[in-house]
C-alpha atoms as a PDB file:
ATOM      1  CA  MET A   1      76.462 224.036 101.386  1.00  0.00           C
ATOM      2  CA  LYS A   2      78.851 221.497  99.814  1.00  0.00           C
ATOM      3  CA  LYS A   3      82.375 222.863  99.539  1.00  0.00           C
ATOM      4  CA  GLN A   4      86.052 221.960  99.580  1.00  0.00           C
ATOM      5  CA  ILE A   5      88.432 223.195 102.285  1.00  0.00           C
ATOM      6  CA  VAL A   6      90.970 225.656 100.896  1.00  0.00           C
ATOM      7  CA  GLU A   7      92.512 226.695 104.211  1.00  0.00           C
ATOM      8  CA  VAL A   8      92.079 226.311 107.974  1.00  0.00           C
ATOM      9  CA  ASN A   9      93.106 229.401 109.968  1.00  0.00           C
ATOM     10  CA  ASP A  10      92.709 229.064 113.749  1.00  0.00           C
ATOM     11  CA  ASP A  11      88.900 228.957 114.008  1.00  0.00           C
ATOM     12  CA  ILE A  12      88.061 229.946 110.403  1.00  0.00           C
ATOM     13  CA  LEU A  13      87.434 227.537 107.511  1.00  0.00           C
ATOM     14  CA  VAL A  14      88.006 228.985 104.044  1.00  0.00           C
ATOM     15  CA  LEU A  15      85.842 227.089 101.570  1.00  0.00           C
ATOM     16  CA  ALA A  16      85.614 226.909  97.767  1.00  0.00           C
ATOM     17  CA  VAL A  17      82.911 225.700  95.382  1.00  0.00           C
ATOM     18  CA  LEU A  18      83.385 222.038  94.400  1.00  0.00           C
ATOM     19  CA  LYS A  19      82.580 222.251  90.672  1.00  0.00           C
ATOM     20  CA  ILE A  20      84.054 225.252  88.913  1.00  0.00           C
ATOM     21  CA  LYS A  21      83.331 226.327  85.345  1.00  0.00           C
ATOM     22  CA  PRO A  22      86.471 227.822  83.772  1.00  0.00           C
ATOM     23  CA  ASP A  23      84.714 230.947  82.479  1.00  0.00           C
ATOM     24  CA  GLU A  24      83.060 231.887  85.784  1.00  0.00           C
ATOM     25  CA  SER A  25      84.519 233.439  88.924  1.00  0.00           C
ATOM     26  CA  TYR A  26      83.685 232.297  92.424  1.00  0.00           C
ATOM     27  CA  VAL A  27      84.113 233.866  95.821  1.00  0.00           C
ATOM     28  CA  LEU A  28      85.716 231.928  98.664  1.00  0.00           C
ATOM     29  CA  VAL A  29      83.464 231.541 101.698  1.00  0.00           C
ATOM     30  CA  GLU A  30      84.602 231.738 105.324  1.00  0.00           C
ATOM     31  CA  ALA A  31      82.878 229.866 108.133  1.00  0.00           C
ATOM     32  CA  LYS A  32      83.752 230.402 111.796  1.00  0.00           C
ATOM     33  CA  ILE A  33      84.126 227.328 114.007  1.00  0.00           C
ATOM     34  CA  THR A  34      82.990 227.713 117.634  1.00  0.00           C
ATOM     35  CA  ASP A  35      82.862 225.427 120.680  1.00  0.00           C
ATOM     36  CA  LYS A  36      79.274 224.587 119.686  1.00  0.00           C
ATOM     37  CA  THR A  37      80.180 223.488 116.146  1.00  0.00           C
ATOM     38  CA  ILE A  38      79.700 219.760 115.572  1.00  0.00           C
ATOM     39  CA  ILE A  39      82.563 218.365 113.466  1.00  0.00           C
ATOM     40  CA  THR A  40      82.385 214.791 112.236  1.00  0.00           C
ATOM     41  CA  GLY A  41      83.025 212.550 109.272  1.00  0.00           C
ATOM     42  CA  PHE A  42      80.737 210.556 107.007  1.00  0.00           C
ATOM     43  CA  GLY A  43      80.729 206.750 107.189  1.00  0.00           C
ATOM     44  CA  VAL A  44      84.016 205.302 108.466  1.00  0.00           C
ATOM     45  CA  ASN A  45      85.427 208.860 108.610  1.00  0.00           C
ATOM     46  CA  ARG A  46      83.237 209.611 111.637  1.00  0.00           C
ATOM     47  CA  PHE A  47      85.801 207.794 113.790  1.00  0.00           C
ATOM     48  CA  LEU A  48      88.701 209.867 112.396  1.00  0.00           C
ATOM     49  CA  ILE A  49      87.220 213.391 112.482  1.00  0.00           C
ATOM     50  CA  ASP A  50      86.604 214.971 115.865  1.00  0.00           C
ATOM     51  CA  ASP A  51      87.574 218.657 115.876  1.00  0.00           C
ATOM     52  CA  ILE A  52      89.016 221.494 113.791  1.00  0.00           C
ATOM     53  CA  THR A  53      92.548 220.065 114.003  1.00  0.00           C
ATOM     54  CA  ASP A  54      91.335 217.124 111.881  1.00  0.00           C
ATOM     55  CA  LEU A  55      90.222 219.421 109.040  1.00  0.00           C
ATOM     56  CA  LYS A  56      92.737 219.715 106.183  1.00  0.00           C
ATOM     57  CA  HIS A  57      93.132 221.396 102.786  1.00  0.00           C
ATOM     58  CA  GLY A  58      91.385 219.522  99.985  1.00  0.00           C
ATOM     59  CA  GLN A  59      88.802 217.710 102.086  1.00  0.00           C
ATOM     60  CA  LYS A  60      85.266 217.829 100.730  1.00  0.00           C
ATOM     61  CA  VAL A  61      82.798 218.976 103.357  1.00  0.00           C
ATOM     62  CA  ARG A  62      79.186 219.910 103.896  1.00  0.00           C
ATOM     63  CA  VAL A  63      78.752 222.886 106.201  1.00  0.00           C
ATOM     64  CA  TRP A  64      75.601 224.135 107.888  1.00  0.00           C
ATOM     65  CA  VAL A  65      75.791 227.780 108.939  1.00  0.00           C
ATOM     66  CA  SER A  66      73.666 229.537 111.546  1.00  0.00           C
ATOM     67  CA  GLU A  67      70.775 231.635 110.313  1.00  0.00           C
ATOM     68  CA  ASP A  68      70.989 233.796 113.440  1.00  0.00           C
ATOM     69  CA  GLU A  69      74.699 234.617 113.325  1.00  0.00           C
ATOM     70  CA  LYS A  70      76.457 235.271 110.042  1.00  0.00           C
ATOM     71  CA  ASN A  71      78.922 232.580 108.902  1.00  0.00           C
ATOM     72  CA  ILE A  72      78.984 230.649 112.190  1.00  0.00           C
ATOM     73  CA  ALA A  73      79.242 226.934 111.380  1.00  0.00           C
ATOM     74  CA  GLU A  74      76.768 224.790 113.291  1.00  0.00           C
ATOM     75  CA  LYS A  75      77.876 221.491 111.768  1.00  0.00           C
ATOM     76  CA  VAL A  76      80.696 220.277 109.493  1.00  0.00           C
ATOM     77  CA  ILE A  77      80.706 216.812 107.919  1.00  0.00           C
ATOM     78  CA  VAL A  78      83.818 215.608 106.065  1.00  0.00           C
ATOM     79  CA  TYR A  79      83.133 213.330 103.073  1.00  0.00           C
ATOM     80  CA  ASN A  80      86.738 212.416 102.244  1.00  0.00           C
ATOM     81  CA  LEU A  81      89.995 212.500 104.166  1.00  0.00           C
ATOM     82  CA  ILE A  82      92.365 212.759 101.196  1.00  0.00           C
ATOM     83  CA  ASN A  83      92.134 214.865  98.068  1.00  0.00           C
ATOM     84  CA  PHE A  84      92.968 212.690  95.029  1.00  0.00           C
ATOM     85  CA  ASN A  85      92.807 215.529  92.444  1.00  0.00           C
END
């Protein structure tokens, strides 16, 4: 799922939908980060993103969640480091 980071709480990422239509409501999604979660960046960002401490509000990410365990992130890839909106 492609999302934007709204908040990082300890080992939980709170994520929002990237494109929002003004007349629709969306639910925030939580994904749990574990020791097995792979966290990296895309392109040059792969050298700057290593773990959950590198994840910040506003970053656009793609998150893969486990099918076996609900909302456990298997992989997180950051597409941008800074939110320009």
